[in-house]
Amino acid sequence: MEHIPAALRLTEAAAAADTQGAGDLLRVVLIVMVLGSVLVAWFLLRGYKRDD
């Protein structure tokens, strides 16, 4: 097993992360989270409507 310097491993990992980006999964999770928050807020706030 050959020894690879830590600095070389870090630069390779940084280069790989740079090309991959955040990904579609993170984007989908964030969109679902925002839409879920809006839906929960609407559901909770509609109960405070007064029909007096």
PDB file of N, CA and C in Angstrom:
ATOM      1  N   MET A   1       0.854  -1.182   0.000  1.00  0.00           N
ATOM      2  CA  MET A   1       0.000   0.000   0.000  1.00  0.00           C
ATOM      3  C   MET A   1       0.893   1.237   0.000  1.00  0.00           C
ATOM      4  N   GLU A   2       0.681   2.103  -0.973  1.00  0.00           N
ATOM      5  CA  GLU A   2       1.530   3.278  -1.082  1.00  0.00           C
ATOM      6  C   GLU A   2       1.003   4.412  -0.218  1.00  0.00           C
ATOM      7  N   HIS A   3       1.923   5.260   0.197  1.00  0.00           N
ATOM      8  CA  HIS A   3       1.571   6.391   1.057  1.00  0.00           C
ATOM      9  C   HIS A   3       1.255   7.594   0.186  1.00  0.00           C
ATOM     10  N   ILE A   4       0.064   8.178   0.389  1.00  0.00           N
ATOM     11  CA  ILE A   4      -0.334   9.386  -0.338  1.00  0.00           C
ATOM     12  C   ILE A   4      -0.353  10.532   0.668  1.00  0.00           C
ATOM     13  N   PRO A   5       0.380  11.609   0.395  1.00  0.00           N
ATOM     14  CA  PRO A   5       0.406  12.737   1.339  1.00  0.00           C
ATOM     15  C   PRO A   5      -0.989  13.316   1.566  1.00  0.00           C
ATOM     16  N   ALA A   6      -1.200  13.801   2.778  1.00  0.00           N
ATOM     17  CA  ALA A   6      -2.513  14.331   3.155  1.00  0.00           C
ATOM     18  C   ALA A   6      -2.896  15.537   2.307  1.00  0.00           C
ATOM     19  N   ALA A   7      -1.913  16.371   1.966  1.00  0.00           N
ATOM     20  CA  ALA A   7      -2.200  17.565   1.168  1.00  0.00           C
ATOM     21  C   ALA A   7      -2.722  17.168  -0.215  1.00  0.00           C
ATOM     22  N   LEU A   8      -2.155  16.115  -0.779  1.00  0.00           N
ATOM     23  CA  LEU A   8      -2.616  15.663  -2.097  1.00  0.00           C
ATOM     24  C   LEU A   8      -4.035  15.114  -2.017  1.00  0.00           C
ATOM     25  N   ARG A   9      -4.333  14.380  -0.949  1.00  0.00           N
ATOM     26  CA  ARG A   9      -5.689  13.853  -0.776  1.00  0.00           C
ATOM     27  C   ARG A   9      -6.700  14.979  -0.616  1.00  0.00           C
ATOM     28  N   LEU A  10      -6.320  16.023   0.135  1.00  0.00           N
ATOM     29  CA  LEU A  10      -7.238  17.146   0.344  1.00  0.00           C
ATOM     30  C   LEU A  10      -7.497  17.906  -0.950  1.00  0.00           C
ATOM     31  N   THR A  11      -6.459  18.099  -1.749  1.00  0.00           N
ATOM     32  CA  THR A  11      -6.664  18.827  -3.000  1.00  0.00           C
ATOM     33  C   THR A  11      -7.507  18.012  -3.974  1.00  0.00           C
ATOM     34  N   GLU A  12      -7.312  16.695  -3.986  1.00  0.00           N
ATOM     35  CA  GLU A  12      -8.136  15.847  -4.846  1.00  0.00           C
ATOM     36  C   GLU A  12      -9.594  15.862  -4.395  1.00  0.00           C
ATOM     37  N   ALA A  13      -9.827  15.831  -3.086  1.00  0.00           N
ATOM     38  CA  ALA A  13     -11.194  15.868  -2.565  1.00  0.00           C
ATOM     39  C   ALA A  13     -11.857  17.208  -2.874  1.00  0.00           C
ATOM     40  N   ALA A  14     -11.096  18.288  -2.758  1.00  0.00           N
ATOM     41  CA  ALA A  14     -11.648  19.612  -3.054  1.00  0.00           C
ATOM     42  C   ALA A  14     -11.981  19.744  -4.535  1.00  0.00           C
ATOM     43  N   ALA A  15     -11.142  19.197  -5.391  1.00  0.00           N
ATOM     44  CA  ALA A  15     -11.402  19.256  -6.831  1.00  0.00           C
ATOM     45  C   ALA A  15     -12.636  18.425  -7.188  1.00  0.00           C
ATOM     46  N   ALA A  16     -12.795  17.269  -6.553  1.00  0.00           N
ATOM     47  CA  ALA A  16     -13.951  16.422  -6.831  1.00  0.00           C
ATOM     48  C   ALA A  16     -15.236  17.093  -6.341  1.00  0.00           C
ATOM     49  N   ALA A  17     -15.202  17.718  -5.187  1.00  0.00           N
ATOM     50  CA  ALA A  17     -16.383  18.402  -4.660  1.00  0.00           C
ATOM     51  C   ALA A  17     -16.737  19.599  -5.520  1.00  0.00           C
ATOM     52  N   ASP A  18     -15.736  20.226  -6.092  1.00  0.00           N
ATOM     53  CA  ASP A  18     -15.984  21.385  -6.934  1.00  0.00           C
ATOM     54  C   ASP A  18     -16.728  21.003  -8.205  1.00  0.00           C
ATOM     55  N   THR A  19     -16.434  19.847  -8.759  1.00  0.00           N
ATOM     56  CA  THR A  19     -17.083  19.441 -10.000  1.00  0.00           C
ATOM     57  C   THR A  19     -18.460  18.830  -9.755  1.00  0.00           C
ATOM     58  N   GLN A  20     -18.686  18.237  -8.591  1.00  0.00           N
ATOM     59  CA  GLN A  20     -19.954  17.564  -8.333  1.00  0.00           C
ATOM     60  C   GLN A  20     -21.058  18.534  -7.945  1.00  0.00           C
ATOM     61  N   GLY A  21     -20.753  19.566  -7.213  1.00  0.00           N
ATOM     62  CA  GLY A  21     -21.770  20.519  -6.796  1.00  0.00           C
ATOM     63  C   GLY A  21     -22.629  19.958  -5.671  1.00  0.00           C
ATOM     64  N   ALA A  22     -23.675  20.699  -5.326  1.00  0.00           N
ATOM     65  CA  ALA A  22     -24.528  20.314  -4.208  1.00  0.00           C
ATOM     66  C   ALA A  22     -25.423  19.133  -4.549  1.00  0.00           C
ATOM     67  N   GLY A  23     -25.839  19.044  -5.787  1.00  0.00           N
ATOM     68  CA  GLY A  23     -26.651  17.908  -6.199  1.00  0.00           C
ATOM     69  C   GLY A  23     -28.131  18.217  -6.215  1.00  0.00           C
ATOM     70  N   ASP A  24     -28.847  17.365  -6.936  1.00  0.00           N
ATOM     71  CA  ASP A  24     -30.290  17.546  -7.088  1.00  0.00           C
ATOM     72  C   ASP A  24     -31.054  17.179  -5.829  1.00  0.00           C
ATOM     73  N   LEU A  25     -30.522  16.240  -5.060  1.00  0.00           N
ATOM     74  CA  LEU A  25     -31.219  15.814  -3.848  1.00  0.00           C
ATOM     75  C   LEU A  25     -31.353  16.966  -2.857  1.00  0.00           C
ATOM     76  N   LEU A  26     -30.288  17.729  -2.672  1.00  0.00           N
ATOM     77  CA  LEU A  26     -30.341  18.863  -1.752  1.00  0.00           C
ATOM     78  C   LEU A  26     -31.347  19.896  -2.234  1.00  0.00           C
ATOM     79  N   ARG A  27     -31.397  20.126  -3.529  1.00  0.00           N
ATOM     80  CA  ARG A  27     -32.337  21.084  -4.091  1.00  0.00           C
ATOM     81  C   ARG A  27     -33.776  20.645  -3.855  1.00  0.00           C
ATOM     82  N   VAL A  28     -34.044  19.374  -4.059  1.00  0.00           N
ATOM     83  CA  VAL A  28     -35.394  18.848  -3.855  1.00  0.00           C
ATOM     84  C   VAL A  28     -35.779  18.927  -2.378  1.00  0.00           C
ATOM     85  N   VAL A  29     -34.854  18.593  -1.495  1.00  0.00           N
ATOM     86  CA  VAL A  29     -35.132  18.649  -0.054  1.00  0.00           C
ATOM     87  C   VAL A  29     -35.455  20.075   0.369  1.00  0.00           C
ATOM     88  N   LEU A  30     -34.719  21.041  -0.123  1.00  0.00           N
ATOM     89  CA  LEU A  30     -34.979  22.433   0.247  1.00  0.00           C
ATOM     90  C   LEU A  30     -36.326  22.915  -0.277  1.00  0.00           C
ATOM     91  N   ILE A  31     -36.685  22.549  -1.504  1.00  0.00           N
ATOM     92  CA  ILE A  31     -37.967  22.963  -2.067  1.00  0.00           C
ATOM     93  C   ILE A  31     -39.122  22.342  -1.291  1.00  0.00           C
ATOM     94  N   VAL A  32     -39.014  21.060  -0.960  1.00  0.00           N
ATOM     95  CA  VAL A  32     -40.064  20.390  -0.193  1.00  0.00           C
ATOM     96  C   VAL A  32     -40.183  20.995   1.199  1.00  0.00           C
ATOM     97  N   MET A  33     -39.049  21.359   1.793  1.00  0.00           N
ATOM     98  CA  MET A  33     -39.065  21.956   3.127  1.00  0.00           C
ATOM     99  C   MET A  33     -39.775  23.319   3.106  1.00  0.00           C
ATOM    100  N   VAL A  34     -39.497  24.123   2.104  1.00  0.00           N
ATOM    101  CA  VAL A  34     -40.139  25.441   2.011  1.00  0.00           C
ATOM    102  C   VAL A  34     -41.636  25.293   1.750  1.00  0.00           C
ATOM    103  N   LEU A  35     -41.993  24.420   0.814  1.00  0.00           N
ATOM    104  CA  LEU A  35     -43.419  24.223   0.533  1.00  0.00           C
ATOM    105  C   LEU A  35     -44.155  23.634   1.731  1.00  0.00           C
ATOM    106  N   GLY A  36     -43.521  22.739   2.462  1.00  0.00           N
ATOM    107  CA  GLY A  36     -44.125  22.177   3.664  1.00  0.00           C
ATOM    108  C   GLY A  36     -44.338  23.224   4.742  1.00  0.00           C
ATOM    109  N   SER A  37     -43.365  24.127   4.878  1.00  0.00           N
ATOM    110  CA  SER A  37     -43.498  25.201   5.871  1.00  0.00           C
ATOM    111  C   SER A  37     -44.656  26.128   5.524  1.00  0.00           C
ATOM    112  N   VAL A  38     -44.798  26.448   4.252  1.00  0.00           N
ATOM    113  CA  VAL A  38     -45.903  27.303   3.821  1.00  0.00           C
ATOM    114  C   VAL A  38     -47.240  26.608   4.063  1.00  0.00           C
ATOM    115  N   LEU A  39     -47.315  25.329   3.757  1.00  0.00           N
ATOM    116  CA  LEU A  39     -48.552  24.584   3.957  1.00  0.00           C
ATOM    117  C   LEU A  39     -48.921  24.498   5.436  1.00  0.00           C
ATOM    118  N   VAL A  40     -47.963  24.240   6.289  1.00  0.00           N
ATOM    119  CA  VAL A  40     -48.225  24.165   7.736  1.00  0.00           C
ATOM    120  C   VAL A  40     -48.648  25.530   8.269  1.00  0.00           C
ATOM    121  N   ALA A  41     -47.987  26.598   7.819  1.00  0.00           N
ATOM    122  CA  ALA A  41     -48.358  27.946   8.267  1.00  0.00           C
ATOM    123  C   ALA A  41     -49.782  28.277   7.838  1.00  0.00           C
ATOM    124  N   TRP A  42     -50.140  27.940   6.594  1.00  0.00           N
ATOM    125  CA  TRP A  42     -51.502  28.194   6.124  1.00  0.00           C
ATOM    126  C   TRP A  42     -52.516  27.398   6.935  1.00  0.00           C
ATOM    127  N   PHE A  43     -52.215  26.141   7.197  1.00  0.00           N
ATOM    128  CA  PHE A  43     -53.130  25.281   7.945  1.00  0.00           C
ATOM    129  C   PHE A  43     -53.343  25.797   9.369  1.00  0.00           C
ATOM    130  N   LEU A  44     -52.263  26.245  10.005  1.00  0.00           N
ATOM    131  CA  LEU A  44     -52.380  26.748  11.372  1.00  0.00           C
ATOM    132  C   LEU A  44     -53.065  28.113  11.421  1.00  0.00           C
ATOM    133  N   LEU A  45     -52.735  28.979  10.483  1.00  0.00           N
ATOM    134  CA  LEU A  45     -53.284  30.329  10.525  1.00  0.00           C
ATOM    135  C   LEU A  45     -54.745  30.418  10.074  1.00  0.00           C
ATOM    136  N   ARG A  46     -55.211  29.457   9.300  1.00  0.00           N
ATOM    137  CA  ARG A  46     -56.617  29.520   8.872  1.00  0.00           C
ATOM    138  C   ARG A  46     -57.565  29.250  10.027  1.00  0.00           C
ATOM    139  N   GLY A  47     -57.081  28.633  11.076  1.00  0.00           N
ATOM    140  CA  GLY A  47     -57.920  28.392  12.253  1.00  0.00           C
ATOM    141  C   GLY A  47     -58.192  29.644  13.060  1.00  0.00           C
ATOM    142  N   TYR A  48     -57.401  30.709  12.820  1.00  0.00           N
ATOM    143  CA  TYR A  48     -57.598  31.965  13.554  1.00  0.00           C
ATOM    144  C   TYR A  48     -58.545  32.919  12.854  1.00  0.00           C
ATOM    145  N   LYS A  49     -59.076  32.522  11.696  1.00  0.00           N
ATOM    146  CA  LYS A  49     -60.004  33.374  10.971  1.00  0.00           C
ATOM    147  C   LYS A  49     -61.323  33.460  11.726  1.00  0.00           C
ATOM    148  N   ARG A  50     -61.842  34.668  11.880  1.00  0.00           N
ATOM    149  CA  ARG A  50     -63.093  34.847  12.626  1.00  0.00           C
ATOM    150  C   ARG A  50     -64.247  35.076  11.670  1.00  0.00           C
ATOM    151  N   ASP A  51     -65.336  34.414  11.927  1.00  0.00           N
ATOM    152  CA  ASP A  51     -66.537  34.573  11.112  1.00  0.00           C
ATOM    153  C   ASP A  51     -67.650  35.272  11.902  1.00  0.00           C
ATOM    154  N   ASP A  52     -67.260  36.213  12.781  1.00  0.00           N
ATOM    155  CA  ASP A  52     -68.256  36.889  13.632  1.00  0.00           C
ATOM    156  C   ASP A  52     -69.154  37.786  12.823  1.00  0.00           C
TER     157      ASP A  52
END
